Amino acid sequence: MADWIGLLFFVFLIVGIFVGLKILSKPVTRTEAEFERNAAESTSMLGAGMNALQEALDPAAARAKEVQMQLKEGRYLKKKREGKANGTDDTE
């Protein structure tokens, strides 16, 4: 009898896992306003702290982020280009 109880436990466990994963895999339909609100809330203090910690541990990644932002804004190496255009050279 104990074997049947153990077998039923494992069957219910497997069925429960399967049903739980099916429920979790359903896509959630959200409006654009809900999406924007959730995106704004995701920038919490914990997220900011984790970003600061990541920058402290990996300064190369922080520099890469800064360069990407400068490229998007169109100001990457702008001072060097302007200096070369004016006839001055930064090498000394």
N, C-alpha and C. Protein backbone atom coordinates (compact mmCIF):
# COMPACT_ATOMS: atom_id res chain seq x y z
N MET A 1 0.82 -1.19 0.00
CA MET A 1 0.00 0.00 0.00
C MET A 1 0.86 1.26 0.00
N ALA A 2 2.00 1.22 0.69
CA ALA A 2 2.88 2.37 0.75
C ALA A 2 3.48 2.68 -0.62
N ASP A 3 3.67 1.65 -1.41
CA ASP A 3 4.19 1.88 -2.76
C ASP A 3 3.20 2.68 -3.60
N TRP A 4 1.90 2.39 -3.44
CA TRP A 4 0.89 3.10 -4.20
C TRP A 4 0.80 4.56 -3.76
N ILE A 5 0.94 4.82 -2.48
CA ILE A 5 0.90 6.19 -1.98
C ILE A 5 2.09 6.98 -2.53
N GLY A 6 3.27 6.38 -2.53
CA GLY A 6 4.46 7.04 -3.08
C GLY A 6 4.31 7.30 -4.57
N LEU A 7 3.76 6.31 -5.28
CA LEU A 7 3.55 6.46 -6.71
C LEU A 7 2.55 7.58 -7.01
N LEU A 8 1.45 7.63 -6.24
CA LEU A 8 0.47 8.70 -6.43
C LEU A 8 1.06 10.06 -6.11
N PHE A 9 1.91 10.14 -5.10
CA PHE A 9 2.57 11.40 -4.77
C PHE A 9 3.38 11.91 -5.96
N PHE A 10 4.19 11.05 -6.54
CA PHE A 10 5.03 11.46 -7.67
C PHE A 10 4.19 11.80 -8.90
N VAL A 11 3.11 11.08 -9.12
CA VAL A 11 2.23 11.39 -10.26
C VAL A 11 1.60 12.77 -10.06
N PHE A 12 1.09 13.04 -8.85
CA PHE A 12 0.50 14.35 -8.58
C PHE A 12 1.55 15.46 -8.66
N LEU A 13 2.75 15.16 -8.22
CA LEU A 13 3.83 16.15 -8.30
C LEU A 13 4.14 16.50 -9.75
N ILE A 14 4.26 15.50 -10.60
CA ILE A 14 4.56 15.73 -12.02
C ILE A 14 3.40 16.46 -12.70
N VAL A 15 2.17 16.05 -12.41
CA VAL A 15 1.01 16.72 -13.00
C VAL A 15 0.94 18.17 -12.52
N GLY A 16 1.22 18.40 -11.24
CA GLY A 16 1.21 19.76 -10.69
C GLY A 16 2.26 20.65 -11.33
N ILE A 17 3.44 20.10 -11.54
CA ILE A 17 4.50 20.87 -12.20
C ILE A 17 4.09 21.20 -13.63
N PHE A 18 3.53 20.24 -14.33
CA PHE A 18 3.11 20.45 -15.72
C PHE A 18 2.03 21.53 -15.81
N VAL A 19 1.01 21.44 -14.94
CA VAL A 19 -0.08 22.42 -14.95
C VAL A 19 0.45 23.80 -14.56
N GLY A 20 1.33 23.85 -13.56
CA GLY A 20 1.91 25.13 -13.15
C GLY A 20 2.70 25.80 -14.26
N LEU A 21 3.49 25.01 -14.97
CA LEU A 21 4.26 25.58 -16.08
C LEU A 21 3.35 26.04 -17.22
N LYS A 22 2.25 25.33 -17.46
CA LYS A 22 1.30 25.76 -18.49
C LYS A 22 0.68 27.10 -18.12
N ILE A 23 0.33 27.25 -16.84
CA ILE A 23 -0.29 28.51 -16.39
C ILE A 23 0.72 29.65 -16.48
N LEU A 24 1.96 29.40 -16.10
CA LEU A 24 2.98 30.45 -16.15
C LEU A 24 3.37 30.84 -17.57
N SER A 25 3.21 29.93 -18.52
CA SER A 25 3.65 30.21 -19.88
C SER A 25 2.63 30.99 -20.70
N LYS A 26 1.43 31.20 -20.16
CA LYS A 26 0.42 31.96 -20.91
C LYS A 26 0.86 33.42 -21.01
N PRO A 27 0.81 34.00 -22.20
CA PRO A 27 1.19 35.40 -22.33
C PRO A 27 0.16 36.33 -21.68
N VAL A 28 0.67 37.36 -21.06
CA VAL A 28 -0.19 38.33 -20.40
C VAL A 28 -0.48 39.47 -21.38
N THR A 29 -1.74 39.76 -21.58
CA THR A 29 -2.10 40.88 -22.47
C THR A 29 -2.16 42.15 -21.62
N ARG A 30 -1.38 43.13 -22.03
CA ARG A 30 -1.33 44.40 -21.31
C ARG A 30 -1.52 45.54 -22.30
N THR A 31 -2.05 46.62 -21.78
CA THR A 31 -2.18 47.81 -22.60
C THR A 31 -0.84 48.54 -22.62
N GLU A 32 -0.73 49.50 -23.51
CA GLU A 32 0.51 50.27 -23.61
C GLU A 32 0.76 51.07 -22.34
N ALA A 33 -0.28 51.57 -21.73
CA ALA A 33 -0.13 52.35 -20.50
C ALA A 33 0.39 51.48 -19.36
N GLU A 34 -0.12 50.26 -19.25
CA GLU A 34 0.37 49.35 -18.21
C GLU A 34 1.83 49.01 -18.43
N PHE A 35 2.21 48.79 -19.69
CA PHE A 35 3.60 48.48 -20.00
C PHE A 35 4.52 49.64 -19.61
N GLU A 36 4.12 50.85 -19.96
CA GLU A 36 4.92 52.03 -19.63
C GLU A 36 5.04 52.21 -18.12
N ARG A 37 3.95 51.98 -17.39
CA ARG A 37 3.98 52.11 -15.94
C ARG A 37 4.93 51.08 -15.32
N ASN A 38 4.86 49.84 -15.79
CA ASN A 38 5.75 48.80 -15.27
C ASN A 38 7.20 49.08 -15.61
N ALA A 39 7.44 49.62 -16.79
CA ALA A 39 8.82 49.95 -17.18
C ALA A 39 9.37 51.08 -16.32
N ALA A 40 8.53 52.03 -15.98
CA ALA A 40 8.97 53.14 -15.13
C ALA A 40 9.23 52.67 -13.71
N GLU A 41 8.46 51.71 -13.22
CA GLU A 41 8.64 51.20 -11.87
C GLU A 41 9.88 50.32 -11.75
N SER A 42 10.34 49.76 -12.84
CA SER A 42 11.48 48.84 -12.77
C SER A 42 12.78 49.55 -12.44
N THR A 43 12.83 50.86 -12.56
CA THR A 43 14.02 51.62 -12.21
C THR A 43 13.95 52.00 -10.74
N SER A 44 13.99 51.01 -9.89
CA SER A 44 13.88 51.24 -8.46
C SER A 44 15.25 51.47 -7.85
N MET A 45 15.28 51.66 -6.55
CA MET A 45 16.53 51.87 -5.84
C MET A 45 17.41 50.62 -5.91
N LEU A 46 16.79 49.45 -5.86
CA LEU A 46 17.56 48.21 -5.94
C LEU A 46 18.25 48.10 -7.30
N GLY A 47 17.52 48.44 -8.36
CA GLY A 47 18.11 48.39 -9.69
C GLY A 47 19.23 49.40 -9.85
N ALA A 48 19.04 50.58 -9.30
CA ALA A 48 20.08 51.60 -9.37
C ALA A 48 21.31 51.17 -8.58
N GLY A 49 21.10 50.56 -7.44
CA GLY A 49 22.21 50.07 -6.64
C GLY A 49 22.97 48.97 -7.35
N MET A 50 22.24 48.08 -8.01
CA MET A 50 22.90 46.99 -8.74
C MET A 50 23.70 47.54 -9.92
N ASN A 51 23.17 48.57 -10.58
CA ASN A 51 23.92 49.18 -11.69
C ASN A 51 25.20 49.83 -11.19
N ALA A 52 25.13 50.51 -10.05
CA ALA A 52 26.32 51.14 -9.49
C ALA A 52 27.35 50.10 -9.08
N LEU A 53 26.89 49.00 -8.51
CA LEU A 53 27.81 47.92 -8.12
C LEU A 53 28.46 47.31 -9.35
N GLN A 54 27.68 47.11 -10.41
CA GLN A 54 28.23 46.54 -11.64
C GLN A 54 29.28 47.47 -12.25
N GLU A 55 29.02 48.78 -12.21
CA GLU A 55 30.00 49.73 -12.74
C GLU A 55 31.28 49.73 -11.91
N ALA A 56 31.16 49.55 -10.60
CA ALA A 56 32.34 49.52 -9.74
C ALA A 56 33.15 48.25 -9.97
N LEU A 57 32.47 47.14 -10.21
CA LEU A 57 33.18 45.88 -10.40
C LEU A 57 33.75 45.73 -11.81
N ASP A 58 33.11 46.35 -12.79
CA ASP A 58 33.55 46.22 -14.18
C ASP A 58 33.59 47.59 -14.85
N PRO A 59 34.67 48.35 -14.63
CA PRO A 59 34.72 49.71 -15.19
C PRO A 59 34.75 49.73 -16.72
N ALA A 60 35.24 48.67 -17.34
CA ALA A 60 35.25 48.64 -18.81
C ALA A 60 33.82 48.62 -19.35
N ALA A 61 32.93 47.89 -18.69
CA ALA A 61 31.54 47.86 -19.14
C ALA A 61 30.88 49.22 -18.94
N ALA A 62 31.24 49.91 -17.85
CA ALA A 62 30.70 51.24 -17.61
C ALA A 62 31.17 52.20 -18.70
N ARG A 63 32.43 52.11 -19.07
CA ARG A 63 32.97 52.96 -20.15
C ARG A 63 32.29 52.63 -21.48
N ALA A 64 32.02 51.35 -21.70
CA ALA A 64 31.35 50.95 -22.94
C ALA A 64 29.94 51.53 -23.00
N LYS A 65 29.23 51.54 -21.85
CA LYS A 65 27.90 52.15 -21.81
C LYS A 65 27.98 53.64 -22.14
N GLU A 66 28.97 54.31 -21.57
CA GLU A 66 29.13 55.75 -21.81
C GLU A 66 29.43 56.02 -23.29
N VAL A 67 30.28 55.21 -23.89
CA VAL A 67 30.60 55.39 -25.31
C VAL A 67 29.37 55.15 -26.16
N GLN A 68 28.57 54.14 -25.82
CA GLN A 68 27.35 53.89 -26.59
C GLN A 68 26.39 55.07 -26.50
N MET A 69 26.26 55.65 -25.32
CA MET A 69 25.40 56.82 -25.17
C MET A 69 25.93 57.99 -25.99
N GLN A 70 27.25 58.18 -25.98
CA GLN A 70 27.83 59.27 -26.76
C GLN A 70 27.62 59.04 -28.25
N LEU A 71 27.74 57.80 -28.69
CA LEU A 71 27.51 57.51 -30.11
C LEU A 71 26.07 57.81 -30.50
N LYS A 72 25.12 57.42 -29.64
CA LYS A 72 23.72 57.69 -29.93
C LYS A 72 23.44 59.18 -30.00
N GLU A 73 24.09 59.94 -29.13
CA GLU A 73 23.87 61.38 -29.10
C GLU A 73 24.71 62.12 -30.15
N GLY A 74 25.64 61.43 -30.78
CA GLY A 74 26.45 62.03 -31.83
C GLY A 74 27.57 62.90 -31.32
N ARG A 75 28.06 62.64 -30.12
CA ARG A 75 29.13 63.47 -29.58
C ARG A 75 30.38 62.68 -29.23
N TYR A 76 30.52 61.46 -29.75
CA TYR A 76 31.68 60.63 -29.47
C TYR A 76 32.90 61.18 -30.21
N LEU A 77 33.98 61.43 -29.49
CA LEU A 77 35.25 61.97 -30.02
C LEU A 77 35.06 63.30 -30.73
N LYS A 78 34.04 64.04 -30.36
CA LYS A 78 33.75 65.30 -31.04
C LYS A 78 34.85 66.33 -30.77
N LYS A 79 35.38 66.39 -29.53
CA LYS A 79 36.42 67.36 -29.22
C LYS A 79 37.68 67.08 -30.01
N LYS A 80 38.02 65.80 -30.16
CA LYS A 80 39.22 65.47 -30.93
C LYS A 80 39.05 65.84 -32.40
N ARG A 81 37.86 65.58 -32.93
CA ARG A 81 37.61 65.92 -34.34
C ARG A 81 37.63 67.43 -34.54
N GLU A 82 37.06 68.17 -33.60
CA GLU A 82 37.06 69.62 -33.73
C GLU A 82 38.48 70.18 -33.63
N GLY A 83 39.28 69.60 -32.74
CA GLY A 83 40.67 70.05 -32.61
C GLY A 83 41.48 69.81 -33.86
N LYS A 84 41.29 68.67 -34.49
CA LYS A 84 42.00 68.38 -35.73
C LYS A 84 41.52 69.27 -36.87
N ALA A 85 40.25 69.62 -36.85
CA ALA A 85 39.73 70.48 -37.90
C ALA A 85 40.28 71.91 -37.75
N ASN A 86 40.54 72.33 -36.51
CA ASN A 86 41.07 73.67 -36.27
C ASN A 86 42.58 73.73 -36.47
N GLY A 87 43.22 72.62 -36.73
CA GLY A 87 44.65 72.64 -36.96
C GLY A 87 45.47 72.35 -35.72
N THR A 88 44.84 72.13 -34.61
CA THR A 88 45.59 71.79 -33.39
C THR A 88 45.64 70.29 -33.25
N ASP A 89 46.69 69.82 -32.61
CA ASP A 89 46.87 68.39 -32.42
C ASP A 89 47.02 68.13 -30.93
N ASP A 90 46.36 67.12 -30.41
CA ASP A 90 46.38 66.83 -28.99
C ASP A 90 47.61 66.05 -28.58
N THR A 91 48.40 65.56 -29.50
CA THR A 91 49.57 64.76 -29.15
C THR A 91 50.70 65.67 -28.73
N GLU A 92 51.29 65.38 -27.57
CA GLU A 92 52.40 66.20 -27.07
C GLU A 92 53.51 65.35 -26.59
